[in-house]
Amino acid sequence: MRPLTLSFPDHSRVLLQQEINRHQDARYEHRLHSVLLVASGLSCERVASLFGDSPRTLVNWVRRFDGKGLVGLAEGNHSGRPTRLSADQLEEVRSLVRQPPTAAEVDANLWDGKTLRVCLQKRYDVQMSVRQCQRLFRLVDTRYRLRRPLVAKADPQRQAEHKKNSNYGRTTRL
């Protein structure tokens, strides 16, 4: 039988790897197939090159399977970085952002990422980035508001200058 070839093998390989990485079940099956090939006599380096994984990853999978069986190949818990605020502190933040920032002793009109960052630093001695504080608004089931532009508190004379139908500065023709 003549060997088959794909029209775009590199593109197909990338597409298939992305699909494997997208689904939890597909990643598990990928690990199963890889360990099966190693069990069939192929080296970890060879299997890794076939599937586009690192040889070290294959060694880890084989060792986990050897030690724990199929459970060793199951998807692990990816908890991520631990939160800097406790559950009680998050509840306090939830109630704080529902009040004006002045109630939390922060000198601002509206809650935004910068304002919340200052508040968390003062109250809990916790340093967070502005972006992380913006995400925190979603976590406590609220949204932050953007600051109003400075024009709202501008000088009335300057506002008149910028108005479309203003007569300010126009000379009348006779």
C-alpha atoms as a PDB file:
ATOM      1  CA  MET A   1       0.000   0.000   0.000  1.00  0.00           C
ATOM      2  CA  ARG A   2       1.257   3.439  -0.916  1.00  0.00           C
ATOM      3  CA  PRO A   3       1.858   5.796   2.059  1.00  0.00           C
ATOM      4  CA  LEU A   4      -0.580   8.678   2.394  1.00  0.00           C
ATOM      5  CA  THR A   5       0.550  12.274   2.725  1.00  0.00           C
ATOM      6  CA  LEU A   6      -1.309  15.369   3.818  1.00  0.00           C
ATOM      7  CA  SER A   7      -1.432  18.489   1.670  1.00  0.00           C
ATOM      8  CA  PHE A   8      -0.209  20.716   4.494  1.00  0.00           C
ATOM      9  CA  PRO A   9       1.449  18.446   7.083  1.00  0.00           C
ATOM     10  CA  ASP A  10       2.867  21.217   9.309  1.00  0.00           C
ATOM     11  CA  HIS A  11      -0.435  23.070   9.451  1.00  0.00           C
ATOM     12  CA  SER A  12      -2.318  19.820  10.075  1.00  0.00           C
ATOM     13  CA  ARG A  13       0.024  18.882  12.905  1.00  0.00           C
ATOM     14  CA  VAL A  14      -0.426  22.253  14.625  1.00  0.00           C
ATOM     15  CA  LEU A  15      -4.207  22.083  14.163  1.00  0.00           C
ATOM     16  CA  LEU A  16      -4.399  18.583  15.648  1.00  0.00           C
ATOM     17  CA  GLN A  17      -2.179  19.508  18.609  1.00  0.00           C
ATOM     18  CA  GLN A  18      -4.343  22.541  19.351  1.00  0.00           C
ATOM     19  CA  GLU A  19      -7.442  20.348  19.317  1.00  0.00           C
ATOM     20  CA  ILE A  20      -5.808  17.860  21.687  1.00  0.00           C
ATOM     21  CA  ASN A  21      -4.831  20.663  24.072  1.00  0.00           C
ATOM     22  CA  ARG A  22      -8.302  22.198  23.963  1.00  0.00           C
ATOM     23  CA  HIS A  23     -10.263  19.319  25.494  1.00  0.00           C
ATOM     24  CA  GLN A  24      -9.547  17.646  28.818  1.00  0.00           C
ATOM     25  CA  ASP A  25     -10.605  14.221  27.498  1.00  0.00           C
ATOM     26  CA  ALA A  26      -8.392  14.601  24.427  1.00  0.00           C
ATOM     27  CA  ARG A  27      -5.369  15.443  26.611  1.00  0.00           C
ATOM     28  CA  TYR A  28      -6.014  12.304  28.681  1.00  0.00           C
ATOM     29  CA  GLU A  29      -6.296  10.162  25.553  1.00  0.00           C
ATOM     30  CA  HIS A  30      -3.125  11.760  24.206  1.00  0.00           C
ATOM     31  CA  ARG A  31      -1.274  10.685  27.354  1.00  0.00           C
ATOM     32  CA  LEU A  32      -2.778   7.173  27.032  1.00  0.00           C
ATOM     33  CA  HIS A  33      -1.590   6.825  23.436  1.00  0.00           C
ATOM     34  CA  SER A  34       1.864   8.138  24.273  1.00  0.00           C
ATOM     35  CA  VAL A  35       2.369   5.738  27.180  1.00  0.00           C
ATOM     36  CA  LEU A  36       0.978   2.882  25.076  1.00  0.00           C
ATOM     37  CA  LEU A  37       3.645   3.522  22.432  1.00  0.00           C
ATOM     38  CA  VAL A  38       6.351   3.555  25.107  1.00  0.00           C
ATOM     39  CA  ALA A  39       4.925   0.292  26.482  1.00  0.00           C
ATOM     40  CA  SER A  40       5.098  -1.112  22.933  1.00  0.00           C
ATOM     41  CA  GLY A  41       8.834  -0.553  22.843  1.00  0.00           C
ATOM     42  CA  LEU A  42       9.353   2.951  21.408  1.00  0.00           C
ATOM     43  CA  SER A  43      11.624   5.284  23.331  1.00  0.00           C
ATOM     44  CA  CYS A  44      10.310   8.365  25.099  1.00  0.00           C
ATOM     45  CA  GLU A  45      12.383  10.534  22.767  1.00  0.00           C
ATOM     46  CA  ARG A  46      10.843   8.912  19.673  1.00  0.00           C
ATOM     47  CA  VAL A  47       7.257   9.200  20.961  1.00  0.00           C
ATOM     48  CA  ALA A  48       7.903  12.795  22.029  1.00  0.00           C
ATOM     49  CA  SER A  49       9.161  13.692  18.557  1.00  0.00           C
ATOM     50  CA  LEU A  50       6.135  12.011  16.942  1.00  0.00           C
ATOM     51  CA  PHE A  51       3.602  13.910  19.054  1.00  0.00           C
ATOM     52  CA  GLY A  52       5.487  17.175  19.546  1.00  0.00           C
ATOM     53  CA  ASP A  53       5.922  16.782  23.307  1.00  0.00           C
ATOM     54  CA  SER A  54       9.109  17.087  25.288  1.00  0.00           C
ATOM     55  CA  PRO A  55      10.889  13.851  26.188  1.00  0.00           C
ATOM     56  CA  ARG A  56      10.861  14.910  29.848  1.00  0.00           C
ATOM     57  CA  THR A  57       7.057  15.122  29.752  1.00  0.00           C
ATOM     58  CA  LEU A  58       6.860  11.578  28.369  1.00  0.00           C
ATOM     59  CA  VAL A  59       9.184  10.305  31.109  1.00  0.00           C
ATOM     60  CA  ASN A  60       6.926  11.936  33.713  1.00  0.00           C
ATOM     61  CA  TRP A  61       3.792  10.360  32.188  1.00  0.00           C
ATOM     62  CA  VAL A  62       5.386   6.899  32.070  1.00  0.00           C
ATOM     63  CA  ARG A  63       6.538   7.178  35.694  1.00  0.00           C
ATOM     64  CA  ARG A  64       3.133   8.395  36.864  1.00  0.00           C
ATOM     65  CA  PHE A  65       1.428   5.540  35.010  1.00  0.00           C
ATOM     66  CA  ASP A  66       3.909   3.031  36.397  1.00  0.00           C
ATOM     67  CA  GLY A  67       3.347   4.286  39.949  1.00  0.00           C
ATOM     68  CA  LYS A  68      -0.379   5.093  40.004  1.00  0.00           C
ATOM     69  CA  GLY A  69      -1.881   3.377  36.984  1.00  0.00           C
ATOM     70  CA  LEU A  70      -4.517   5.174  34.905  1.00  0.00           C
ATOM     71  CA  VAL A  71      -5.158   7.661  37.725  1.00  0.00           C
ATOM     72  CA  GLY A  72      -1.609   8.944  37.181  1.00  0.00           C
ATOM     73  CA  LEU A  73      -2.528  10.011  33.655  1.00  0.00           C
ATOM     74  CA  ALA A  74      -5.734  11.784  34.611  1.00  0.00           C
ATOM     75  CA  GLU A  75      -5.911  15.551  34.428  1.00  0.00           C
ATOM     76  CA  GLY A  76      -4.559  17.099  37.603  1.00  0.00           C
ATOM     77  CA  ASN A  77      -5.943  20.040  39.519  1.00  0.00           C
ATOM     78  CA  HIS A  78      -4.646  23.340  38.170  1.00  0.00           C
ATOM     79  CA  SER A  79      -5.503  25.605  41.047  1.00  0.00           C
ATOM     80  CA  GLY A  80      -3.201  28.419  40.038  1.00  0.00           C
ATOM     81  CA  ARG A  81      -1.708  30.963  42.355  1.00  0.00           C
ATOM     82  CA  PRO A  82      -3.371  31.205  45.776  1.00  0.00           C
ATOM     83  CA  THR A  83      -5.496  34.277  46.372  1.00  0.00           C
ATOM     84  CA  ARG A  84      -4.010  37.094  48.405  1.00  0.00           C
ATOM     85  CA  LEU A  85      -7.329  37.845  50.082  1.00  0.00           C
ATOM     86  CA  SER A  86      -9.163  35.465  52.377  1.00  0.00           C
ATOM     87  CA  ALA A  87     -12.846  34.659  51.907  1.00  0.00           C
ATOM     88  CA  ASP A  88     -13.748  37.042  54.755  1.00  0.00           C
ATOM     89  CA  GLN A  89     -11.711  39.826  53.184  1.00  0.00           C
ATOM     90  CA  LEU A  90     -13.415  39.247  49.831  1.00  0.00           C
ATOM     91  CA  GLU A  91     -16.801  39.607  51.527  1.00  0.00           C
ATOM     92  CA  GLU A  92     -15.636  42.890  53.071  1.00  0.00           C
ATOM     93  CA  VAL A  93     -14.456  44.084  49.654  1.00  0.00           C
ATOM     94  CA  ARG A  94     -17.834  43.098  48.175  1.00  0.00           C
ATOM     95  CA  SER A  95     -19.622  45.329  50.680  1.00  0.00           C
ATOM     96  CA  LEU A  96     -17.028  48.115  50.365  1.00  0.00           C
ATOM     97  CA  VAL A  97     -17.341  48.530  46.600  1.00  0.00           C
ATOM     98  CA  ARG A  98     -21.097  48.886  46.926  1.00  0.00           C
ATOM     99  CA  GLN A  99     -20.521  52.087  48.909  1.00  0.00           C
ATOM    100  CA  PRO A 100     -18.747  55.259  47.807  1.00  0.00           C
ATOM    101  CA  PRO A 101     -14.949  55.120  48.099  1.00  0.00           C
ATOM    102  CA  THR A 102     -15.049  57.825  50.764  1.00  0.00           C
ATOM    103  CA  ALA A 103     -16.766  55.304  53.095  1.00  0.00           C
ATOM    104  CA  ALA A 104     -13.581  53.212  52.832  1.00  0.00           C
ATOM    105  CA  GLU A 105     -11.458  56.297  53.567  1.00  0.00           C
ATOM    106  CA  VAL A 106     -10.216  56.557  49.988  1.00  0.00           C
ATOM    107  CA  ASP A 107     -10.099  59.971  48.354  1.00  0.00           C
ATOM    108  CA  ALA A 108     -11.970  59.297  45.095  1.00  0.00           C
ATOM    109  CA  ASN A 109     -15.387  59.759  43.531  1.00  0.00           C
ATOM    110  CA  LEU A 110     -15.870  56.337  41.900  1.00  0.00           C
ATOM    111  CA  TRP A 111     -14.431  52.869  42.308  1.00  0.00           C
ATOM    112  CA  ASP A 112     -11.931  51.817  39.672  1.00  0.00           C
ATOM    113  CA  GLY A 113      -8.833  49.636  39.593  1.00  0.00           C
ATOM    114  CA  LYS A 114      -6.528  52.303  40.997  1.00  0.00           C
ATOM    115  CA  THR A 115      -8.920  53.221  43.784  1.00  0.00           C
ATOM    116  CA  LEU A 116      -9.417  49.603  44.820  1.00  0.00           C
ATOM    117  CA  ARG A 117      -5.668  49.048  44.731  1.00  0.00           C
ATOM    118  CA  VAL A 118      -5.134  51.919  47.181  1.00  0.00           C
ATOM    119  CA  CYS A 119      -7.942  50.639  49.403  1.00  0.00           C
ATOM    120  CA  LEU A 120      -6.520  47.092  49.554  1.00  0.00           C
ATOM    121  CA  GLN A 121      -3.067  48.439  50.340  1.00  0.00           C
ATOM    122  CA  LYS A 122      -4.388  50.578  53.201  1.00  0.00           C
ATOM    123  CA  ARG A 123      -6.825  48.048  54.682  1.00  0.00           C
ATOM    124  CA  TYR A 124      -5.110  44.690  54.268  1.00  0.00           C
ATOM    125  CA  ASP A 125      -1.515  45.593  53.373  1.00  0.00           C
ATOM    126  CA  VAL A 126      -1.964  43.626  50.129  1.00  0.00           C
ATOM    127  CA  GLN A 127      -0.246  44.743  46.946  1.00  0.00           C
ATOM    128  CA  MET A 128      -2.191  44.022  43.747  1.00  0.00           C
ATOM    129  CA  SER A 129      -1.846  45.346  40.244  1.00  0.00           C
ATOM    130  CA  VAL A 130      -4.476  47.656  38.830  1.00  0.00           C
ATOM    131  CA  ARG A 131      -5.483  44.984  36.311  1.00  0.00           C
ATOM    132  CA  GLN A 132      -5.914  42.387  39.053  1.00  0.00           C
ATOM    133  CA  CYS A 133      -8.084  44.848  40.987  1.00  0.00           C
ATOM    134  CA  GLN A 134     -10.229  45.292  37.887  1.00  0.00           C
ATOM    135  CA  ARG A 135     -10.681  41.511  37.746  1.00  0.00           C
ATOM    136  CA  LEU A 136     -11.573  41.556  41.427  1.00  0.00           C
ATOM    137  CA  PHE A 137     -14.646  43.662  40.637  1.00  0.00           C
ATOM    138  CA  ARG A 138     -16.006  40.783  38.554  1.00  0.00           C
ATOM    139  CA  LEU A 139     -15.130  38.317  41.316  1.00  0.00           C
ATOM    140  CA  VAL A 140     -17.234  40.243  43.836  1.00  0.00           C
ATOM    141  CA  ASP A 141     -20.144  40.507  41.377  1.00  0.00           C
ATOM    142  CA  THR A 142     -19.939  44.185  40.592  1.00  0.00           C
ATOM    143  CA  ARG A 143     -18.364  46.397  37.984  1.00  0.00           C
ATOM    144  CA  TYR A 144     -16.055  49.307  38.199  1.00  0.00           C
ATOM    145  CA  ARG A 145     -16.835  52.622  36.646  1.00  0.00           C
ATOM    146  CA  LEU A 146     -14.528  54.724  34.602  1.00  0.00           C
ATOM    147  CA  ARG A 147     -13.718  58.145  35.913  1.00  0.00           C
ATOM    148  CA  ARG A 148     -15.668  61.025  34.507  1.00  0.00           C
ATOM    149  CA  PRO A 149     -13.682  63.230  32.220  1.00  0.00           C
ATOM    150  CA  LEU A 150     -12.223  66.379  33.674  1.00  0.00           C
ATOM    151  CA  VAL A 151     -14.416  68.475  31.371  1.00  0.00           C
ATOM    152  CA  ALA A 152     -17.375  68.006  33.736  1.00  0.00           C
ATOM    153  CA  LYS A 153     -15.596  70.128  36.324  1.00  0.00           C
ATOM    154  CA  ALA A 154     -13.963  72.497  33.878  1.00  0.00           C
ATOM    155  CA  ASP A 155     -14.079  76.231  33.878  1.00  0.00           C
ATOM    156  CA  PRO A 156     -17.425  77.491  32.427  1.00  0.00           C
ATOM    157  CA  GLN A 157     -15.552  79.925  30.201  1.00  0.00           C
ATOM    158  CA  ARG A 158     -13.468  77.099  28.689  1.00  0.00           C
ATOM    159  CA  GLN A 159     -16.605  75.003  28.226  1.00  0.00           C
ATOM    160  CA  ALA A 160     -18.249  77.864  26.321  1.00  0.00           C
ATOM    161  CA  GLU A 161     -15.209  78.096  24.055  1.00  0.00           C
ATOM    162  CA  HIS A 162     -15.587  74.456  23.038  1.00  0.00           C
ATOM    163  CA  LYS A 163     -19.321  74.388  22.486  1.00  0.00           C
ATOM    164  CA  LYS A 164     -20.379  73.915  18.908  1.00  0.00           C
ATOM    165  CA  ASN A 165     -22.964  76.713  18.814  1.00  0.00           C
ATOM    166  CA  SER A 166     -21.173  79.069  21.147  1.00  0.00           C
ATOM    167  CA  ASN A 167     -20.906  82.742  20.274  1.00  0.00           C
ATOM    168  CA  TYR A 168     -17.827  83.060  22.439  1.00  0.00           C
ATOM    169  CA  GLY A 169     -15.007  84.767  20.568  1.00  0.00           C
ATOM    170  CA  ARG A 170     -17.001  85.407  17.407  1.00  0.00           C
ATOM    171  CA  THR A 171     -17.058  88.827  15.958  1.00  0.00           C
ATOM    172  CA  THR A 172     -20.298  90.148  14.542  1.00  0.00           C
ATOM    173  CA  ARG A 173     -20.263  91.392  10.978  1.00  0.00           C
ATOM    174  CA  LEU A 174     -22.251  94.382   9.913  1.00  0.00           C
END
